[in-house]
Amino acid sequence: MTEKSYIKQFPDLMAGKTILYVHGFASSGQSGTVTRLRTVFPQAKVVAPDLPVHPTEALALLHEVCQKEHPDLIIGTSMGGMYAEQLRGFDRICVNPALVIADTMKAHGMMGTQQFQNPRLDGIQEFYVDKTMVKEYREVSEQRFVGLTDDDCLRVYGLFGDEDNVVDTFGMFSEHYPQVTYFHGEHRLNDRSFMHSVVPVIRWVDDRQQQRERPIIYIGVETMIASHETKDKNQNMPVSSVQKAVRQLIEYYQVYFVAEEETATVSWLAKYIGVPAWHHLIITHRRDLLYGDYLIENKETGGKKQGAFLATVIDYGSDTFKTWENIIDYFEKLGGQ
């Protein structure tokens, strides 16, 4: 599968809204992430300025842009995540934020003459980083979390690549923000990590802003994992097409995962489903008490019920829904209903 095959357009998401993208160190407003944003959300206005190399000037420019554009969402990656965290009063997604960027610069050879990785509108191709500039970056980054309010804490998401070998500020970030998780990916976003990890969060933000209520689907985790009763070496692997199904279902539905125990389930969902499962796991022995529209479960191996689920129950493994492809076909015909 090629990288481009992951990209898909969502014209209805963020339609008519403004997204401010804040790029990383030595990048520009012409980065690959900007292209992805404009492709995936064609009805949104994506503002992506080339930032000055001096951090105080960059932060001042971003405040000016915010005052002018009133962005509905700010997304910052790496150094841009450090800046985005400080732009109080907006919905924000900070991806691998370089919250101690001066240390990162010293540790990863970001001093001396640096080449811009993407073309800039001013045509400048390189810049020079000396000790004075590193000190400027340290002083600006130390303004992180200043003036943070309880309301602002709930408007920020932190996404951290589990294979990021450049920045590691998860612990620092999570001390101040409750909405923080890992995603499958490296320091730089690619098409896959963007579509599978960032886009779901953008969907949550857009739904909240629009007060949009999607139909609810509960998925019994027993339908997702190869049978534990078999001695097959792949017994803990995802069932065929279940990952594809989840990616498609979250486009139209609010999807939750249901299990009877937490520890092993959390790690399995994090490994194989990723960000869409974050804060979407329900632990219960009483599925009949769940309130929603659909329940996908295996009646033979699923949770024991003491009553009937009031909405539509899809019996995974039955003649009608023998595979997850059958379930995908069923919901495609429903068209989001």
Protein backbone atom coordinates (compact mmCIF):
# COMPACT_ATOMS: atom_id res chain seq x y z
CA MET A 1 0.00 0.00 0.00
CA THR A 2 1.43 3.34 -1.00
CA GLU A 3 1.41 6.36 1.24
CA LYS A 4 -1.05 8.25 -0.95
CA SER A 5 -3.60 5.44 -0.67
CA TYR A 6 -4.18 6.41 2.98
CA ILE A 7 -5.41 9.89 2.09
CA LYS A 8 -9.16 10.43 1.92
CA GLN A 9 -11.20 13.61 1.68
CA PHE A 10 -13.81 14.65 4.25
CA PRO A 11 -15.59 17.69 2.77
CA ASP A 12 -18.08 17.92 5.65
CA LEU A 13 -15.47 18.01 8.42
CA MET A 14 -14.30 21.49 9.47
CA ALA A 15 -16.34 22.90 6.58
CA GLY A 16 -16.30 26.69 6.57
CA LYS A 17 -13.84 26.76 9.47
CA THR A 18 -10.28 27.98 9.81
CA ILE A 19 -7.40 25.72 10.77
CA LEU A 20 -4.10 27.32 11.78
CA TYR A 21 -1.13 25.03 11.26
CA VAL A 22 2.12 25.82 13.10
CA HIS A 23 5.11 24.11 11.54
CA GLY A 24 8.18 22.65 13.16
CA PHE A 25 11.85 23.67 13.32
CA ALA A 26 13.44 24.41 9.90
CA SER A 27 10.15 23.75 8.14
CA SER A 28 7.64 26.13 6.55
CA GLY A 29 4.00 26.70 5.73
CA GLN A 30 4.52 24.55 2.63
CA SER A 31 5.09 21.34 4.56
CA GLY A 32 3.56 17.96 3.83
CA THR A 33 1.17 18.29 6.75
CA VAL A 34 -0.27 21.48 5.26
CA THR A 35 -0.87 19.65 1.99
CA ARG A 36 -2.62 16.87 3.88
CA LEU A 37 -4.85 19.32 5.74
CA ARG A 38 -5.90 21.06 2.55
CA THR A 39 -6.52 17.77 0.77
CA VAL A 40 -8.42 15.99 3.54
CA PHE A 41 -10.51 19.03 4.55
CA PRO A 42 -11.18 20.81 1.23
CA GLN A 43 -13.94 23.03 2.66
CA ALA A 44 -11.76 24.39 5.47
CA LYS A 45 -9.44 27.39 5.29
CA VAL A 46 -5.92 26.33 6.23
CA VAL A 47 -3.64 29.15 7.37
CA ALA A 48 0.04 28.18 7.58
CA PRO A 49 2.49 31.09 7.90
CA ASP A 50 6.23 30.74 7.49
CA LEU A 51 7.53 31.44 10.99
CA PRO A 52 10.46 33.77 11.70
CA VAL A 53 13.50 31.88 12.96
CA HIS A 54 13.65 34.00 16.11
CA PRO A 55 11.13 32.53 18.56
CA THR A 56 9.91 35.81 20.07
CA GLU A 57 9.11 37.08 16.57
CA ALA A 58 7.45 33.78 15.67
CA LEU A 59 5.21 33.83 18.73
CA ALA A 60 4.28 37.47 18.12
CA LEU A 61 3.33 36.63 14.53
CA LEU A 62 1.16 33.72 15.70
CA HIS A 63 -0.70 35.96 18.14
CA GLU A 64 -1.34 38.41 15.30
CA VAL A 65 -2.63 35.62 13.07
CA CYS A 66 -4.93 34.40 15.83
CA GLN A 67 -6.36 37.88 16.33
CA LYS A 68 -6.96 38.23 12.60
CA GLU A 69 -8.15 34.75 11.66
CA HIS A 70 -9.82 33.54 14.89
CA PRO A 71 -8.94 29.93 14.07
CA ASP A 72 -11.42 27.21 15.01
CA LEU A 73 -8.53 24.80 15.49
CA ILE A 74 -4.76 25.15 15.88
CA ILE A 75 -2.50 22.23 15.06
CA GLY A 76 1.19 22.42 15.90
CA THR A 77 3.90 19.82 15.33
CA SER A 78 7.22 19.62 17.18
CA MET A 79 8.42 23.23 17.68
CA GLY A 80 5.00 24.28 16.37
CA GLY A 81 3.43 22.18 19.13
CA MET A 82 5.43 24.17 21.67
CA TYR A 83 4.08 27.40 20.19
CA ALA A 84 0.52 26.07 19.87
CA GLU A 85 0.46 25.10 23.54
CA GLN A 86 0.98 28.77 24.43
CA LEU A 87 -1.85 30.09 22.23
CA ARG A 88 -4.46 30.18 24.97
CA GLY A 89 -8.19 30.23 24.34
CA PHE A 90 -8.32 28.05 21.21
CA ASP A 91 -8.95 24.38 20.49
CA ARG A 92 -5.49 22.92 19.87
CA ILE A 93 -3.79 19.68 18.91
CA CYS A 94 -0.12 19.50 19.87
CA VAL A 95 1.71 16.73 18.02
CA ASN A 96 5.06 15.71 19.51
CA PRO A 97 5.46 19.18 21.07
CA ALA A 98 9.09 20.20 21.62
CA LEU A 99 8.45 21.76 25.01
CA VAL A 100 12.17 21.92 25.87
CA ILE A 101 13.31 22.82 22.38
CA ALA A 102 16.66 24.32 23.42
CA ASP A 103 17.72 20.93 24.79
CA THR A 104 16.36 19.22 21.67
CA MET A 105 18.37 21.57 19.43
CA LYS A 106 21.61 20.80 21.25
CA ALA A 107 20.97 17.05 21.36
CA HIS A 108 20.14 16.68 17.66
CA GLY A 109 22.62 18.93 15.89
CA MET A 110 20.28 21.83 15.26
CA MET A 111 23.01 24.45 15.68
CA GLY A 112 25.15 26.21 13.14
CA THR A 113 23.99 26.59 9.55
CA GLN A 114 20.58 24.97 8.99
CA GLN A 115 18.77 24.30 5.73
CA PHE A 116 15.02 24.82 5.54
CA GLN A 117 13.39 21.49 4.76
CA ASN A 118 10.56 23.08 2.78
CA PRO A 119 10.49 26.15 0.51
CA ARG A 120 9.53 29.46 2.09
CA LEU A 121 7.62 32.31 0.51
CA ASP A 122 10.52 34.70 1.20
CA GLY A 123 12.89 32.45 -0.74
CA ILE A 124 15.35 32.06 2.15
CA GLN A 125 16.94 28.61 2.09
CA GLU A 126 19.14 28.57 5.19
CA PHE A 127 19.66 30.21 8.56
CA TYR A 128 22.22 30.15 11.35
CA VAL A 129 21.63 29.05 14.94
CA ASP A 130 24.07 30.31 17.58
CA LYS A 131 24.09 30.18 21.38
CA THR A 132 22.16 33.45 21.61
CA MET A 133 19.32 32.05 19.52
CA VAL A 134 19.27 28.84 21.57
CA LYS A 135 18.90 31.00 24.68
CA GLU A 136 15.95 32.77 23.02
CA TYR A 137 14.29 29.43 22.34
CA ARG A 138 14.84 28.36 25.94
CA GLU A 139 13.30 31.57 27.29
CA VAL A 140 10.23 31.26 25.03
CA SER A 141 9.72 27.55 25.74
CA GLU A 142 9.85 28.22 29.47
CA GLN A 143 6.59 30.14 29.07
CA ARG A 144 4.85 26.78 28.60
CA PHE A 145 1.81 26.24 30.81
CA VAL A 146 1.85 29.89 31.97
CA GLY A 147 -1.67 31.23 32.44
CA LEU A 148 -3.24 27.83 31.94
CA THR A 149 -6.86 27.57 33.10
CA ASP A 150 -9.09 24.56 33.74
CA ASP A 151 -11.15 25.45 30.68
CA ASP A 152 -8.09 25.70 28.49
CA CYS A 153 -6.85 22.31 29.69
CA LEU A 154 -9.92 20.68 28.17
CA ARG A 155 -9.41 22.37 24.81
CA VAL A 156 -6.00 20.85 24.15
CA TYR A 157 -5.04 17.40 22.89
CA GLY A 158 -1.51 16.03 23.05
CA LEU A 159 -0.47 13.32 20.58
CA PHE A 160 2.90 11.61 20.97
CA GLY A 161 4.47 9.17 18.53
CA ASP A 162 5.42 5.90 20.17
CA GLU A 163 8.51 5.73 17.91
CA ASP A 164 9.58 9.37 18.28
CA ASN A 165 13.35 9.49 18.83
CA VAL A 166 13.60 13.29 18.77
CA VAL A 167 11.20 14.62 21.41
CA ASP A 168 9.95 13.04 24.63
CA THR A 169 7.77 15.44 26.61
CA PHE A 170 4.81 13.15 27.26
CA GLY A 171 5.29 13.19 31.03
CA MET A 172 5.67 16.95 31.23
CA PHE A 173 2.64 17.54 29.01
CA SER A 174 0.40 15.05 30.84
CA GLU A 175 1.06 16.78 34.17
CA HIS A 176 -0.97 19.74 32.88
CA TYR A 177 -3.30 18.32 30.23
CA PRO A 178 -5.59 15.29 30.74
CA GLN A 179 -6.20 14.65 27.04
CA VAL A 180 -2.90 13.12 26.03
CA THR A 181 -2.08 9.81 24.37
CA TYR A 182 0.41 7.99 22.19
CA PHE A 183 -0.11 7.21 18.52
CA HIS A 184 1.63 4.80 16.20
CA GLY A 185 4.27 6.87 14.47
CA GLU A 186 7.57 8.70 14.53
CA HIS A 187 8.41 12.34 15.13
CA ARG A 188 7.34 13.42 11.66
CA LEU A 189 3.80 12.75 10.55
CA ASN A 190 3.25 10.71 7.42
CA ASP A 191 0.00 10.00 5.57
CA ARG A 192 -0.80 6.98 7.71
CA SER A 193 -0.19 8.53 11.13
CA PHE A 194 -2.02 11.68 10.06
CA MET A 195 -5.12 9.85 8.81
CA HIS A 196 -5.28 7.21 11.55
CA SER A 197 -4.30 9.36 14.53
CA VAL A 198 -4.74 13.09 13.90
CA VAL A 199 -7.91 13.04 11.78
CA PRO A 200 -9.96 11.17 14.43
CA VAL A 201 -9.11 13.89 16.97
CA ILE A 202 -10.03 16.61 14.48
CA ARG A 203 -13.36 14.82 14.02
CA TRP A 204 -13.95 14.88 17.80
CA VAL A 205 -13.18 18.60 17.93
CA ASP A 206 -15.48 19.36 15.00
CA ASP A 207 -18.29 17.25 16.50
CA ARG A 208 -18.03 19.09 19.80
CA GLN A 209 -17.97 22.49 18.14
CA GLN A 210 -21.00 21.61 16.02
CA GLN A 211 -22.76 19.84 18.91
CA ARG A 212 -23.06 16.95 16.49
CA GLU A 213 -24.42 13.70 17.90
CA ARG A 214 -23.58 10.63 15.86
CA PRO A 215 -25.34 7.26 16.18
CA ILE A 216 -23.56 5.08 18.73
CA ILE A 217 -22.01 1.69 17.99
CA TYR A 218 -20.70 -0.55 20.75
CA ILE A 219 -18.22 -3.22 19.68
CA GLY A 220 -17.61 -6.22 21.90
CA VAL A 221 -13.84 -6.68 22.05
CA GLU A 222 -14.33 -10.45 21.74
CA THR A 223 -15.34 -9.88 18.10
CA MET A 224 -12.03 -8.17 17.35
CA ILE A 225 -9.42 -10.60 18.68
CA ALA A 226 -8.61 -14.01 17.23
CA SER A 227 -9.97 -16.70 19.53
CA HIS A 228 -8.01 -17.27 22.70
CA GLU A 229 -9.11 -20.90 22.64
CA THR A 230 -7.09 -21.72 19.54
CA LYS A 231 -3.41 -22.61 19.64
CA ASP A 232 -2.82 -20.57 16.51
CA LYS A 233 0.29 -18.41 16.90
CA ASN A 234 -1.79 -15.40 15.79
CA GLN A 235 -4.44 -15.84 18.48
CA ASN A 236 -4.01 -12.30 19.82
CA MET A 237 -3.95 -10.65 16.42
CA PRO A 238 -6.89 -8.59 15.12
CA VAL A 239 -9.58 -10.50 13.28
CA SER A 240 -9.42 -9.98 9.52
CA SER A 241 -10.83 -6.60 8.37
CA VAL A 242 -11.67 -5.37 11.89
CA GLN A 243 -9.16 -2.50 11.71
CA LYS A 244 -10.56 -1.50 8.33
CA ALA A 245 -14.07 -1.63 9.78
CA VAL A 246 -13.22 0.63 12.72
CA ARG A 247 -11.61 3.22 10.44
CA GLN A 248 -14.74 3.29 8.29
CA LEU A 249 -17.27 3.24 11.12
CA ILE A 250 -15.76 6.22 12.98
CA GLU A 251 -16.45 8.36 9.91
CA TYR A 252 -20.18 8.21 10.61
CA TYR A 253 -20.65 6.80 14.10
CA GLN A 254 -19.48 7.30 17.66
CA VAL A 255 -17.72 4.00 18.31
CA TYR A 256 -17.08 2.52 21.73
CA PHE A 257 -15.41 -0.75 22.67
CA VAL A 258 -16.87 -2.99 25.37
CA ALA A 259 -15.09 -5.56 27.53
CA GLU A 260 -15.36 -7.17 30.95
CA GLU A 261 -11.79 -6.51 32.08
CA GLU A 262 -9.50 -3.57 31.51
CA THR A 263 -5.76 -4.25 31.73
CA ALA A 264 -5.09 -6.49 28.74
CA THR A 265 -7.84 -4.84 26.71
CA VAL A 266 -6.37 -1.34 27.01
CA SER A 267 -2.96 -2.44 25.75
CA TRP A 268 -4.47 -4.48 22.90
CA LEU A 269 -6.67 -1.62 21.71
CA ALA A 270 -3.77 0.83 21.95
CA LYS A 271 -1.59 -1.47 19.85
CA TYR A 272 -4.06 -2.44 17.14
CA ILE A 273 -6.71 0.30 17.06
CA GLY A 274 -4.77 3.30 18.34
CA VAL A 275 -6.18 6.78 18.88
CA PRO A 276 -9.84 5.93 17.93
CA ALA A 277 -9.98 3.66 21.01
CA TRP A 278 -8.57 6.29 23.39
CA HIS A 279 -11.16 7.09 26.10
CA HIS A 280 -13.63 4.92 24.18
CA LEU A 281 -13.40 1.73 26.22
CA ILE A 282 -16.29 0.72 28.47
CA ILE A 283 -15.81 -1.97 31.11
CA THR A 284 -19.07 -3.63 32.06
CA HIS A 285 -20.73 -6.98 32.71
CA ARG A 286 -24.11 -5.49 31.84
CA ARG A 287 -24.27 -4.70 28.14
CA ASP A 288 -28.04 -4.56 28.40
CA LEU A 289 -27.65 -1.29 30.34
CA LEU A 290 -25.75 0.43 27.55
CA TYR A 291 -27.58 3.18 25.71
CA GLY A 292 -26.90 3.37 21.99
CA ASP A 293 -27.97 2.38 18.51
CA TYR A 294 -25.98 -0.75 17.67
CA LEU A 295 -24.16 -3.49 19.56
CA ILE A 296 -21.75 -5.77 17.69
CA GLU A 297 -21.03 -8.83 19.78
CA ASN A 298 -20.46 -12.56 19.68
CA LYS A 299 -23.41 -14.02 21.56
CA GLU A 300 -21.45 -17.17 22.33
CA THR A 301 -18.36 -15.56 23.85
CA GLY A 302 -19.45 -12.00 24.68
CA GLY A 303 -20.34 -10.50 28.03
CA LYS A 304 -23.13 -12.10 29.99
CA LYS A 305 -26.32 -10.09 29.86
CA GLN A 306 -29.22 -9.97 32.28
CA GLY A 307 -31.56 -8.31 29.83
CA ALA A 308 -31.98 -7.37 26.19
CA PHE A 309 -30.05 -4.56 24.52
CA LEU A 310 -32.72 -2.10 23.38
CA ALA A 311 -31.17 -1.24 20.00
CA THR A 312 -29.99 -3.32 17.03
CA VAL A 313 -27.75 -6.26 17.95
CA ILE A 314 -25.37 -7.58 15.31
CA ASP A 315 -24.33 -11.14 16.09
CA TYR A 316 -20.78 -11.49 14.84
CA GLY A 317 -20.10 -15.04 13.68
CA SER A 318 -23.73 -15.72 12.75
CA ASP A 319 -24.72 -16.77 9.22
CA THR A 320 -25.57 -13.15 8.34
CA PHE A 321 -22.48 -11.58 9.90
CA LYS A 322 -19.90 -14.31 9.52
CA THR A 323 -17.03 -11.86 8.95
CA TRP A 324 -16.23 -8.19 9.50
CA GLU A 325 -16.55 -7.66 5.76
CA ASN A 326 -20.22 -8.62 6.15
CA ILE A 327 -20.55 -6.01 8.88
CA ILE A 328 -18.81 -3.39 6.72
CA ASP A 329 -21.27 -4.10 3.89
CA TYR A 330 -24.21 -3.80 6.29
CA PHE A 331 -23.20 -0.36 7.56
CA GLU A 332 -22.28 0.87 4.09
CA LYS A 333 -25.86 0.19 3.04
CA LEU A 334 -27.12 2.11 6.07
CA GLY A 335 -25.15 5.16 4.99
CA GLY A 336 -24.50 6.48 8.49
CA GLN A 337 -28.01 5.90 9.83
